[in-house]
PDB file of N, CA and C in Angstrom:
ATOM      1  N   VAL A   1      43.425 -33.684 -27.684  1.00  0.00           N
ATOM      2  CA  VAL A   1      44.209 -33.194 -29.271  1.00  0.00           C
ATOM      3  C   VAL A   1      43.391 -34.170 -30.199  1.00  0.00           C
ATOM      4  N   ARG A   2      43.633 -35.519 -29.989  1.00  0.00           N
ATOM      5  CA  ARG A   2      42.558 -36.485 -30.805  1.00  0.00           C
ATOM      6  C   ARG A   2      41.472 -35.958 -30.615  1.00  0.00           C
ATOM      7  N   GLU A   3      40.839 -35.980 -29.798  1.00  0.00           N
ATOM      8  CA  GLU A   3      38.965 -35.774 -29.788  1.00  0.00           C
ATOM      9  C   GLU A   3      38.964 -34.670 -30.771  1.00  0.00           C
ATOM     10  N   ALA A   4      40.149 -33.473 -30.497  1.00  0.00           N
ATOM     11  CA  ALA A   4      39.806 -32.395 -30.938  1.00  0.00           C
ATOM     12  C   ALA A   4      39.670 -32.224 -32.945  1.00  0.00           C
ATOM     13  N   GLY A   5      40.254 -33.198 -33.331  1.00  0.00           N
ATOM     14  CA  GLY A   5      40.565 -33.858 -34.639  1.00  0.00           C
ATOM     15  C   GLY A   5      41.158 -32.503 -35.487  1.00  0.00           C
ATOM     16  N   VAL A   6      42.095 -32.040 -34.720  1.00  0.00           N
ATOM     17  CA  VAL A   6      43.156 -31.034 -35.316  1.00  0.00           C
ATOM     18  C   VAL A   6      44.472 -31.789 -36.118  1.00  0.00           C
ATOM     19  N   ASP A   7      44.889 -32.000 -37.394  1.00  0.00           N
ATOM     20  CA  ASP A   7      46.243 -32.193 -37.597  1.00  0.00           C
ATOM     21  C   ASP A   7      47.319 -31.613 -37.306  1.00  0.00           C
ATOM     22  N   GLU A   8      47.107 -30.106 -37.560  1.00  0.00           N
ATOM     23  CA  GLU A   8      47.906 -29.115 -37.348  1.00  0.00           C
ATOM     24  C   GLU A   8      47.608 -27.963 -36.926  1.00  0.00           C
ATOM     25  N   GLY A   9      48.176 -27.371 -35.719  1.00  0.00           N
ATOM     26  CA  GLY A   9      47.678 -26.528 -35.395  1.00  0.00           C
ATOM     27  C   GLY A   9      48.519 -26.069 -33.807  1.00  0.00           C
ATOM     28  N   LEU A  10      47.777 -25.499 -32.800  1.00  0.00           N
ATOM     29  CA  LEU A  10      48.327 -25.249 -31.394  1.00  0.00           C
ATOM     30  C   LEU A  10      47.419 -26.220 -30.422  1.00  0.00           C
ATOM     31  N   CYS A  11      47.571 -25.903 -29.573  1.00  0.00           N
ATOM     32  CA  CYS A  11      47.111 -26.611 -27.957  1.00  0.00           C
ATOM     33  C   CYS A  11      47.506 -25.787 -26.883  1.00  0.00           C
ATOM     34  N   VAL A  12      46.565 -24.812 -26.431  1.00  0.00           N
ATOM     35  CA  VAL A  12      46.549 -24.067 -25.377  1.00  0.00           C
ATOM     36  C   VAL A  12      46.164 -24.538 -23.967  1.00  0.00           C
ATOM     37  N   ILE A  13      47.019 -25.015 -22.846  1.00  0.00           N
ATOM     38  CA  ILE A  13      46.669 -25.815 -22.088  1.00  0.00           C
ATOM     39  C   ILE A  13      46.851 -24.741 -20.716  1.00  0.00           C
ATOM     40  N   SER A  14      45.695 -24.701 -19.531  1.00  0.00           N
ATOM     41  CA  SER A  14      45.754 -22.920 -18.827  1.00  0.00           C
ATOM     42  C   SER A  14      45.078 -23.853 -17.374  1.00  0.00           C
ATOM     43  N   SER A  15      46.204 -23.288 -16.672  1.00  0.00           N
ATOM     44  CA  SER A  15      45.451 -23.248 -15.382  1.00  0.00           C
ATOM     45  C   SER A  15      44.370 -22.120 -14.915  1.00  0.00           C
ATOM     46  N   THR A  16      43.181 -22.303 -14.294  1.00  0.00           N
ATOM     47  CA  THR A  16      42.786 -21.389 -13.605  1.00  0.00           C
ATOM     48  C   THR A  16      42.794 -21.003 -12.389  1.00  0.00           C
ATOM     49  N   HIS A  17      43.908 -21.449 -12.046  1.00  0.00           N
ATOM     50  CA  HIS A  17      44.234 -21.170 -10.537  1.00  0.00           C
ATOM     51  C   HIS A  17      45.220 -19.813 -10.154  1.00  0.00           C
ATOM     52  N   THR A  18      45.547 -19.328  -9.163  1.00  0.00           N
ATOM     53  CA  THR A  18      46.824 -18.350  -9.106  1.00  0.00           C
ATOM     54  C   THR A  18      47.649 -19.079  -8.403  1.00  0.00           C
ATOM     55  N   THR A  19      47.546 -20.028  -7.641  1.00  0.00           N
ATOM     56  CA  THR A  19      48.990 -21.259  -7.028  1.00  0.00           C
ATOM     57  C   THR A  19      49.057 -22.265  -7.718  1.00  0.00           C
ATOM     58  N   ALA A  20      48.503 -22.377  -8.958  1.00  0.00           N
ATOM     59  CA  ALA A  20      49.258 -23.302 -10.029  1.00  0.00           C
ATOM     60  C   ALA A  20      49.473 -23.438 -11.367  1.00  0.00           C
ATOM     61  N   ALA A  21      50.526 -23.579 -11.565  1.00  0.00           N
ATOM     62  CA  ALA A  21      50.847 -23.312 -13.090  1.00  0.00           C
ATOM     63  C   ALA A  21      51.453 -24.396 -14.024  1.00  0.00           C
ATOM     64  N   VAL A  22      51.335 -23.885 -15.403  1.00  0.00           N
ATOM     65  CA  VAL A  22      51.252 -25.532 -16.154  1.00  0.00           C
ATOM     66  C   VAL A  22      52.921 -25.190 -16.767  1.00  0.00           C
ATOM     67  N   THR A  23      53.486 -26.301 -16.728  1.00  0.00           N
ATOM     68  CA  THR A  23      55.001 -26.089 -17.164  1.00  0.00           C
ATOM     69  C   THR A  23      55.322 -27.307 -18.144  1.00  0.00           C
ATOM     70  N   VAL A  24      56.600 -27.438 -19.219  1.00  0.00           N
ATOM     71  CA  VAL A  24      56.578 -28.118 -19.754  1.00  0.00           C
ATOM     72  C   VAL A  24      58.184 -28.678 -19.208  1.00  0.00           C
ATOM     73  N   ASN A  25      58.338 -29.649 -18.899  1.00  0.00           N
ATOM     74  CA  ASN A  25      60.057 -30.133 -18.511  1.00  0.00           C
ATOM     75  C   ASN A  25      60.055 -31.801 -18.520  1.00  0.00           C
ATOM     76  N   GLU A  26      61.385 -32.293 -18.791  1.00  0.00           N
ATOM     77  CA  GLU A  26      61.311 -33.521 -19.159  1.00  0.00           C
ATOM     78  C   GLU A  26      60.721 -34.597 -18.116  1.00  0.00           C
ATOM     79  N   ASP A  27      60.036 -35.231 -18.907  1.00  0.00           N
ATOM     80  CA  ASP A  27      58.829 -36.768 -18.815  1.00  0.00           C
ATOM     81  C   ASP A  27      59.515 -38.023 -18.265  1.00  0.00           C
ATOM     82  N   TYR A  28      60.823 -38.049 -18.435  1.00  0.00           N
ATOM     83  CA  TYR A  28      61.034 -39.656 -18.456  1.00  0.00           C
ATOM     84  C   TYR A  28      61.722 -39.557 -17.246  1.00  0.00           C
ATOM     85  N   ASP A  29      62.517 -39.171 -16.558  1.00  0.00           N
ATOM     86  CA  ASP A  29      63.535 -39.269 -15.323  1.00  0.00           C
ATOM     87  C   ASP A  29      62.450 -38.782 -14.341  1.00  0.00           C
ATOM     88  N   ARG A  30      61.512 -39.425 -13.319  1.00  0.00           N
ATOM     89  CA  ARG A  30      61.052 -39.322 -12.609  1.00  0.00           C
ATOM     90  C   ARG A  30      61.159 -38.431 -11.340  1.00  0.00           C
ATOM     91  N   ASP A  31      62.246 -38.221 -11.087  1.00  0.00           N
ATOM     92  CA  ASP A  31      62.907 -37.567 -10.603  1.00  0.00           C
ATOM     93  C   ASP A  31      62.540 -36.038 -10.377  1.00  0.00           C
ATOM     94  N   VAL A  32      62.393 -35.975 -11.768  1.00  0.00           N
ATOM     95  CA  VAL A  32      62.747 -34.261 -12.031  1.00  0.00           C
ATOM     96  C   VAL A  32      61.320 -33.344 -11.569  1.00  0.00           C
ATOM     97  N   PRO A  33      60.659 -33.812 -11.020  1.00  0.00           N
ATOM     98  CA  PRO A  33      59.477 -33.075 -10.498  1.00  0.00           C
ATOM     99  C   PRO A  33      59.662 -32.726  -9.063  1.00  0.00           C
ATOM    100  N   ARG A  34      60.274 -33.657  -8.829  1.00  0.00           N
ATOM    101  CA  ARG A  34      60.757 -33.648  -7.303  1.00  0.00           C
ATOM    102  C   ARG A  34      61.872 -32.760  -6.877  1.00  0.00           C
ATOM    103  N   ASP A  35      63.056 -32.958  -8.127  1.00  0.00           N
ATOM    104  CA  ASP A  35      64.185 -31.790  -8.081  1.00  0.00           C
ATOM    105  C   ASP A  35      63.454 -30.548  -8.175  1.00  0.00           C
ATOM    106  N   LEU A  36      62.700 -30.192  -8.982  1.00  0.00           N
ATOM    107  CA  LEU A  36      61.990 -29.326  -9.299  1.00  0.00           C
ATOM    108  C   LEU A  36      61.169 -28.342  -8.108  1.00  0.00           C
ATOM    109  N   ALA A  37      60.371 -29.093  -7.153  1.00  0.00           N
ATOM    110  CA  ALA A  37      59.902 -28.184  -6.101  1.00  0.00           C
ATOM    111  C   ALA A  37      61.357 -28.268  -5.386  1.00  0.00           C
ATOM    112  N   ALA A  38      62.258 -28.989  -5.272  1.00  0.00           N
ATOM    113  CA  ALA A  38      63.058 -28.777  -4.126  1.00  0.00           C
ATOM    114  C   ALA A  38      63.887 -27.281  -4.528  1.00  0.00           C
ATOM    115  N   ALA A  39      64.217 -27.249  -6.396  1.00  0.00           N
ATOM    116  CA  ALA A  39      64.765 -26.009  -6.411  1.00  0.00           C
ATOM    117  C   ALA A  39      63.740 -24.795  -6.000  1.00  0.00           C
ATOM    118  N   CYS A  40      62.637 -24.902  -6.478  1.00  0.00           N
ATOM    119  CA  CYS A  40      61.831 -24.179  -5.818  1.00  0.00           C
ATOM    120  C   CYS A  40      61.792 -23.431  -4.404  1.00  0.00           C
ATOM    121  N   ARG A  41      61.976 -24.306  -3.314  1.00  0.00           N
ATOM    122  CA  ARG A  41      61.821 -24.247  -1.931  1.00  0.00           C
ATOM    123  C   ARG A  41      62.976 -23.187  -1.956  1.00  0.00           C
ATOM    124  N   ALA A  42      64.523 -23.695  -2.349  1.00  0.00           N
ATOM    125  CA  ALA A  42      65.866 -23.221  -2.125  1.00  0.00           C
ATOM    126  C   ALA A  42      65.817 -21.951  -2.731  1.00  0.00           C
ATOM    127  N   PHE A  43      65.403 -21.993  -4.007  1.00  0.00           N
ATOM    128  CA  PHE A  43      65.293 -20.514  -4.379  1.00  0.00           C
ATOM    129  C   PHE A  43      64.225 -18.946  -3.598  1.00  0.00           C
ATOM    130  N   LEU A  44      63.094 -20.207  -2.416  1.00  0.00           N
ATOM    131  CA  LEU A  44      62.447 -18.842  -2.302  1.00  0.00           C
ATOM    132  C   LEU A  44      63.341 -18.675  -1.022  1.00  0.00           C
ATOM    133  N   GLU A  45      63.942 -19.504  -0.003  1.00  0.00           N
ATOM    134  CA  GLU A  45      64.633 -19.205   0.988  1.00  0.00           C
ATOM    135  C   GLU A  45      65.841 -18.268   0.654  1.00  0.00           C
ATOM    136  N   LYS A  46      66.865 -18.398  -0.511  1.00  0.00           N
ATOM    137  CA  LYS A  46      67.607 -17.683  -1.000  1.00  0.00           C
ATOM    138  C   LYS A  46      66.900 -16.634  -1.608  1.00  0.00           C
ATOM    139  N   LEU A  47      65.823 -16.258  -2.145  1.00  0.00           N
ATOM    140  CA  LEU A  47      65.458 -14.750  -1.968  1.00  0.00           C
ATOM    141  C   LEU A  47      65.414 -14.186  -1.214  1.00  0.00           C
ATOM    142  N   GLY A  48      64.949 -14.889   0.502  1.00  0.00           N
ATOM    143  CA  GLY A  48      65.083 -14.013   1.443  1.00  0.00           C
ATOM    144  C   GLY A  48      63.751 -12.811   1.399  1.00  0.00           C
ATOM    145  N   VAL A  49      62.565 -13.117   0.558  1.00  0.00           N
ATOM    146  CA  VAL A  49      61.877 -12.205   0.754  1.00  0.00           C
ATOM    147  C   VAL A  49      60.310 -12.089   1.697  1.00  0.00           C
ATOM    148  N   SER A  50      60.428 -11.306   2.450  1.00  0.00           N
ATOM    149  CA  SER A  50      58.886 -11.722   3.405  1.00  0.00           C
ATOM    150  C   SER A  50      57.658 -11.334   3.055  1.00  0.00           C
ATOM    151  N   PHE A  51      56.920 -12.781   2.319  1.00  0.00           N
ATOM    152  CA  PHE A  51      55.932 -12.559   1.479  1.00  0.00           C
ATOM    153  C   PHE A  51      54.388 -11.971   2.675  1.00  0.00           C
ATOM    154  N   ASP A  52      54.038 -11.252   2.643  1.00  0.00           N
ATOM    155  CA  ASP A  52      53.261 -10.501   3.325  1.00  0.00           C
ATOM    156  C   ASP A  52      51.555 -11.157   2.860  1.00  0.00           C
ATOM    157  N   HIS A  53      50.589 -11.763   3.117  1.00  0.00           N
ATOM    158  CA  HIS A  53      49.316 -11.911   2.630  1.00  0.00           C
ATOM    159  C   HIS A  53      48.610 -12.260   3.333  1.00  0.00           C
ATOM    160  N   VAL A  54      47.251 -12.776   3.593  1.00  0.00           N
ATOM    161  CA  VAL A  54      46.288 -12.650   4.704  1.00  0.00           C
ATOM    162  C   VAL A  54      45.948 -14.365   4.340  1.00  0.00           C
ATOM    163  N   GLU A  55      46.364 -15.013   3.565  1.00  0.00           N
ATOM    164  CA  GLU A  55      46.208 -16.422   3.133  1.00  0.00           C
ATOM    165  C   GLU A  55      47.385 -17.438   3.604  1.00  0.00           C
ATOM    166  N   GLY A  56      48.407 -16.372   3.578  1.00  0.00           N
ATOM    167  CA  GLY A  56      49.688 -17.017   4.016  1.00  0.00           C
ATOM    168  C   GLY A  56      50.200 -17.797   2.749  1.00  0.00           C
ATOM    169  N   ASN A  57      49.809 -17.931   1.589  1.00  0.00           N
ATOM    170  CA  ASN A  57      50.669 -18.722   0.828  1.00  0.00           C
ATOM    171  C   ASN A  57      51.130 -17.660  -0.645  1.00  0.00           C
ATOM    172  N   SER A  58      51.486 -16.553  -0.083  1.00  0.00           N
ATOM    173  CA  SER A  58      52.103 -15.451  -0.778  1.00  0.00           C
ATOM    174  C   SER A  58      52.945 -15.942  -2.003  1.00  0.00           C
ATOM    175  N   ASP A  59      54.056 -17.051  -1.457  1.00  0.00           N
ATOM    176  CA  ASP A  59      54.733 -17.556  -1.783  1.00  0.00           C
ATOM    177  C   ASP A  59      54.297 -18.316  -2.976  1.00  0.00           C
ATOM    178  N   SER A  60      53.450 -19.025  -3.277  1.00  0.00           N
ATOM    179  CA  SER A  60      52.662 -19.738  -4.395  1.00  0.00           C
ATOM    180  C   SER A  60      52.193 -18.765  -5.540  1.00  0.00           C
ATOM    181  N   HIS A  61      51.724 -17.983  -5.438  1.00  0.00           N
ATOM    182  CA  HIS A  61      51.526 -16.435  -6.178  1.00  0.00           C
ATOM    183  C   HIS A  61      52.704 -16.713  -6.977  1.00  0.00           C
ATOM    184  N   PHE A  62      53.785 -15.994  -6.138  1.00  0.00           N
ATOM    185  CA  PHE A  62      54.700 -15.703  -6.657  1.00  0.00           C
ATOM    186  C   PHE A  62      55.338 -16.932  -7.494  1.00  0.00           C
ATOM    187  N   LEU A  63      55.599 -17.978  -7.303  1.00  0.00           N
ATOM    188  CA  LEU A  63      56.109 -18.840  -8.137  1.00  0.00           C
ATOM    189  C   LEU A  63      54.947 -19.009  -9.285  1.00  0.00           C
ATOM    190  N   THR A  64      53.681 -19.267  -9.121  1.00  0.00           N
ATOM    191  CA  THR A  64      52.911 -19.507 -10.282  1.00  0.00           C
ATOM    192  C   THR A  64      53.225 -18.166 -11.515  1.00  0.00           C
ATOM    193  N   SER A  65      53.415 -16.806 -10.796  1.00  0.00           N
ATOM    194  CA  SER A  65      53.679 -15.780 -11.569  1.00  0.00           C
ATOM    195  C   SER A  65      54.811 -15.882 -12.749  1.00  0.00           C
ATOM    196  N   LEU A  66      56.198 -16.610 -11.643  1.00  0.00           N
ATOM    197  CA  LEU A  66      57.269 -17.152 -12.558  1.00  0.00           C
ATOM    198  C   LEU A  66      57.180 -18.339 -13.585  1.00  0.00           C
ATOM    199  N   PHE A  67      56.616 -19.296 -13.393  1.00  0.00           N
ATOM    200  CA  PHE A  67      56.507 -20.548 -14.268  1.00  0.00           C
ATOM    201  C   PHE A  67      55.587 -19.604 -15.268  1.00  0.00           C
ATOM    202  N   GLY A  68      54.375 -19.444 -15.090  1.00  0.00           N
ATOM    203  CA  GLY A  68      53.037 -18.744 -15.964  1.00  0.00           C
ATOM    204  C   GLY A  68      51.752 -20.021 -16.118  1.00  0.00           C
ATOM    205  N   PRO A  69      50.427 -19.763 -15.896  1.00  0.00           N
ATOM    206  CA  PRO A  69      49.319 -20.223 -15.739  1.00  0.00           C
ATOM    207  C   PRO A  69      49.416 -21.327 -16.829  1.00  0.00           C
ATOM    208  N   SER A  70      49.956 -21.014 -18.261  1.00  0.00           N
ATOM    209  CA  SER A  70      49.340 -21.717 -19.447  1.00  0.00           C
ATOM    210  C   SER A  70      51.124 -22.399 -20.500  1.00  0.00           C
ATOM    211  N   GLN A  71      50.530 -23.510 -21.281  1.00  0.00           N
ATOM    212  CA  GLN A  71      51.658 -23.622 -22.073  1.00  0.00           C
ATOM    213  C   GLN A  71      51.035 -23.748 -23.340  1.00  0.00           C
ATOM    214  N   THR A  72      51.300 -23.334 -24.532  1.00  0.00           N
ATOM    215  CA  THR A  72      50.738 -23.221 -25.916  1.00  0.00           C
ATOM    216  C   THR A  72      51.784 -24.550 -26.570  1.00  0.00           C
ATOM    217  N   LEU A  73      51.254 -25.461 -27.252  1.00  0.00           N
ATOM    218  CA  LEU A  73      52.019 -26.572 -27.900  1.00  0.00           C
ATOM    219  C   LEU A  73      51.814 -26.325 -29.269  1.00  0.00           C
ATOM    220  N   LEU A  74      52.596 -26.927 -30.107  1.00  0.00           N
ATOM    221  CA  LEU A  74      52.014 -27.001 -31.593  1.00  0.00           C
ATOM    222  C   LEU A  74      51.386 -28.393 -31.694  1.00  0.00           C
ATOM    223  N   VAL A  75      50.683 -28.367 -32.394  1.00  0.00           N
ATOM    224  CA  VAL A  75      50.493 -29.712 -32.945  1.00  0.00           C
ATOM    225  C   VAL A  75      50.627 -30.049 -33.855  1.00  0.00           C
ATOM    226  N   ARG A  76      51.174 -31.181 -34.328  1.00  0.00           N
ATOM    227  CA  ARG A  76      51.355 -31.407 -35.927  1.00  0.00           C
ATOM    228  C   ARG A  76      51.040 -33.082 -36.035  1.00  0.00           C
ATOM    229  N   ALA A  77      50.634 -33.665 -37.013  1.00  0.00           N
ATOM    230  CA  ALA A  77      50.372 -34.854 -37.381  1.00  0.00           C
ATOM    231  C   ALA A  77      49.432 -35.421 -36.249  1.00  0.00           C
ATOM    232  N   GLY A  78      47.985 -34.648 -35.607  1.00  0.00           N
ATOM    233  CA  GLY A  78      47.360 -34.986 -34.280  1.00  0.00           C
ATOM    234  C   GLY A  78      47.687 -35.256 -33.468  1.00  0.00           C
ATOM    235  N   GLU A  79      49.094 -34.465 -32.930  1.00  0.00           N
ATOM    236  CA  GLU A  79      49.567 -34.755 -31.687  1.00  0.00           C
ATOM    237  C   GLU A  79      50.241 -33.756 -30.801  1.00  0.00           C
ATOM    238  N   PRO A  80      50.187 -33.572 -30.031  1.00  0.00           N
ATOM    239  CA  PRO A  80      51.068 -32.550 -29.285  1.00  0.00           C
ATOM    240  C   PRO A  80      52.414 -32.408 -29.816  1.00  0.00           C
ATOM    241  N   ASP A  81      53.634 -31.690 -30.549  1.00  0.00           N
ATOM    242  CA  ASP A  81      54.811 -31.184 -30.732  1.00  0.00           C
ATOM    243  C   ASP A  81      55.330 -31.314 -29.738  1.00  0.00           C
ATOM    244  N   LEU A  82      55.826 -32.704 -28.993  1.00  0.00           N
ATOM    245  CA  LEU A  82      56.367 -32.404 -27.783  1.00  0.00           C
ATOM    246  C   LEU A  82      57.723 -32.912 -27.804  1.00  0.00           C
ATOM    247  N   GLY A  83      59.425 -32.710 -27.409  1.00  0.00           N
ATOM    248  CA  GLY A  83      60.426 -33.278 -27.562  1.00  0.00           C
ATOM    249  C   GLY A  83      60.724 -34.747 -27.164  1.00  0.00           C
ATOM    250  N   ARG A  84      61.139 -35.343 -27.164  1.00  0.00           N
ATOM    251  CA  ARG A  84      61.359 -36.934 -27.059  1.00  0.00           C
ATOM    252  C   ARG A  84      61.241 -37.010 -25.315  1.00  0.00           C
ATOM    253  N   TRP A  85      61.916 -36.269 -24.599  1.00  0.00           N
ATOM    254  CA  TRP A  85      61.961 -36.592 -23.401  1.00  0.00           C
ATOM    255  C   TRP A  85      60.498 -35.334 -22.643  1.00  0.00           C
ATOM    256  N   GLN A  86      59.800 -34.474 -23.156  1.00  0.00           N
ATOM    257  CA  GLN A  86      59.127 -33.644 -22.932  1.00  0.00           C
ATOM    258  C   GLN A  86      57.590 -34.391 -22.311  1.00  0.00           C
ATOM    259  N   GLY A  87      57.101 -33.758 -21.577  1.00  0.00           N
ATOM    260  CA  GLY A  87      55.875 -34.185 -20.663  1.00  0.00           C
ATOM    261  C   GLY A  87      55.511 -32.419 -20.330  1.00  0.00           C
ATOM    262  N   VAL A  88      53.985 -32.639 -20.180  1.00  0.00           N
ATOM    263  CA  VAL A  88      53.293 -31.524 -19.673  1.00  0.00           C
ATOM    264  C   VAL A  88      53.066 -31.734 -18.141  1.00  0.00           C
ATOM    265  N   PHE A  89      53.091 -30.546 -17.165  1.00  0.00           N
ATOM    266  CA  PHE A  89      52.924 -30.695 -15.832  1.00  0.00           C
ATOM    267  C   PHE A  89      52.338 -29.589 -15.249  1.00  0.00           C
ATOM    268  N   LEU A  90      51.221 -30.016 -14.598  1.00  0.00           N
ATOM    269  CA  LEU A  90      50.696 -29.025 -13.639  1.00  0.00           C
ATOM    270  C   LEU A  90      51.471 -28.747 -12.129  1.00  0.00           C
ATOM    271  N   ALA A  91      51.846 -27.692 -11.946  1.00  0.00           N
ATOM    272  CA  ALA A  91      53.235 -27.323 -10.749  1.00  0.00           C
ATOM    273  C   ALA A  91      51.874 -26.896  -9.873  1.00  0.00           C
ATOM    274  N   GLU A  92      51.912 -27.280  -8.587  1.00  0.00           N
ATOM    275  CA  GLU A  92      51.460 -27.333  -7.644  1.00  0.00           C
ATOM    276  C   GLU A  92      51.674 -26.889  -6.494  1.00  0.00           C
ATOM    277  N   PHE A  93      51.768 -25.407  -6.294  1.00  0.00           N
ATOM    278  CA  PHE A  93      52.233 -24.580  -4.964  1.00  0.00           C
ATOM    279  C   PHE A  93      51.861 -24.560  -3.928  1.00  0.00           C
ATOM    280  N   ASP A  94      50.796 -24.921  -4.046  1.00  0.00           N
ATOM    281  CA  ASP A  94      49.488 -24.733  -2.576  1.00  0.00           C
ATOM    282  C   ASP A  94      48.775 -25.866  -2.524  1.00  0.00           C
ATOM    283  N   GLY A  95      48.959 -26.898  -2.438  1.00  0.00           N
ATOM    284  CA  GLY A  95      48.256 -27.939  -2.221  1.00  0.00           C
ATOM    285  C   GLY A  95      48.702 -29.232  -1.464  1.00  0.00           C
ATOM    286  N   PRO A  96      48.060 -30.212  -1.493  1.00  0.00           N
ATOM    287  CA  PRO A  96      47.308 -30.603  -2.702  1.00  0.00           C
ATOM    288  C   PRO A  96      45.881 -29.968  -2.302  1.00  0.00           C
ATOM    289  N   ARG A  97      45.510 -29.534  -4.019  1.00  0.00           N
ATOM    290  CA  ARG A  97      43.617 -29.280  -4.150  1.00  0.00           C
ATOM    291  C   ARG A  97      43.415 -29.402  -5.332  1.00  0.00           C
ATOM    292  N   ARG A  98      42.411 -29.772  -5.176  1.00  0.00           N
ATOM    293  CA  ARG A  98      41.031 -29.951  -7.186  1.00  0.00           C
ATOM    294  C   ARG A  98      41.614 -28.957  -7.378  1.00  0.00           C
ATOM    295  N   ARG A  99      41.991 -29.380  -8.829  1.00  0.00           N
ATOM    296  CA  ARG A  99      42.232 -28.160  -9.833  1.00  0.00           C
ATOM    297  C   ARG A  99      41.469 -28.292 -10.954  1.00  0.00           C
ATOM    298  N   THR A 100      41.452 -27.485 -11.892  1.00  0.00           N
ATOM    299  CA  THR A 100      40.254 -26.991 -12.664  1.00  0.00           C
ATOM    300  C   THR A 100      42.049 -26.638 -13.947  1.00  0.00           C
ATOM    301  N   VAL A 101      41.771 -27.116 -15.211  1.00  0.00           N
ATOM    302  CA  VAL A 101      42.960 -27.047 -16.348  1.00  0.00           C
ATOM    303  C   VAL A 101      41.986 -27.123 -17.696  1.00  0.00           C
ATOM    304  N   ARG A 102      42.282 -26.167 -18.093  1.00  0.00           N
ATOM    305  CA  ARG A 102      41.411 -26.037 -19.364  1.00  0.00           C
ATOM    306  C   ARG A 102      42.514 -26.582 -20.742  1.00  0.00           C
ATOM    307  N   VAL A 103      41.128 -26.779 -21.701  1.00  0.00           N
ATOM    308  CA  VAL A 103      42.960 -26.842 -22.884  1.00  0.00           C
ATOM    309  C   VAL A 103      41.656 -26.649 -24.219  1.00  0.00           C
ATOM    310  N   ALA A 104      42.400 -25.759 -25.151  1.00  0.00           N
ATOM    311  CA  ALA A 104      41.887 -25.712 -26.180  1.00  0.00           C
ATOM    312  C   ALA A 104      42.578 -25.598 -27.513  1.00  0.00           C
ATOM    313  N   VAL A 105      41.857 -26.929 -28.587  1.00  0.00           N
ATOM    314  CA  VAL A 105      43.051 -26.930 -29.842  1.00  0.00           C
ATOM    315  C   VAL A 105      42.801 -26.368 -30.956  1.00  0.00           C
ATOM    316  N   LEU A 106      42.982 -25.442 -31.534  1.00  0.00           N
ATOM    317  CA  LEU A 106      43.126 -24.892 -33.043  1.00  0.00           C
ATOM    318  C   LEU A 106      43.436 -25.247 -33.811  1.00  0.00           C
TER     319      LEU A 106
END
C-alpha cells in the first residue's frame, strides 16, 4: 500500500490458487491460525461428505470456496484499515506449497 502511494482507497489481496484462500482474522494471538485449522478439520469430519477428486484434495477446494480467494480492504491514511487485532492471512489448505498472491491498490 505504501509503495502504491494511495492515501484513501481500496486494497485487493487475491490468491491465484484453488486450494488457498485469503482471510482476515485475529493477528494478536498466535494460536488463532492453529485453532482455525483445527476447526476446519473438525468441520469437514462432521460434514461427513465423501469428496471424490482425482487429485485427492477436494476438501481443499471446498474450504477455499467457503473462505474465498480474496479480501478487499479499505485504505485510509496510506495504510490498510484493519482493526486493532486484525491481520491478513493466506489460508493454505493443500500444502505447504509455493503460492502466488496478487495485490492491487486503487
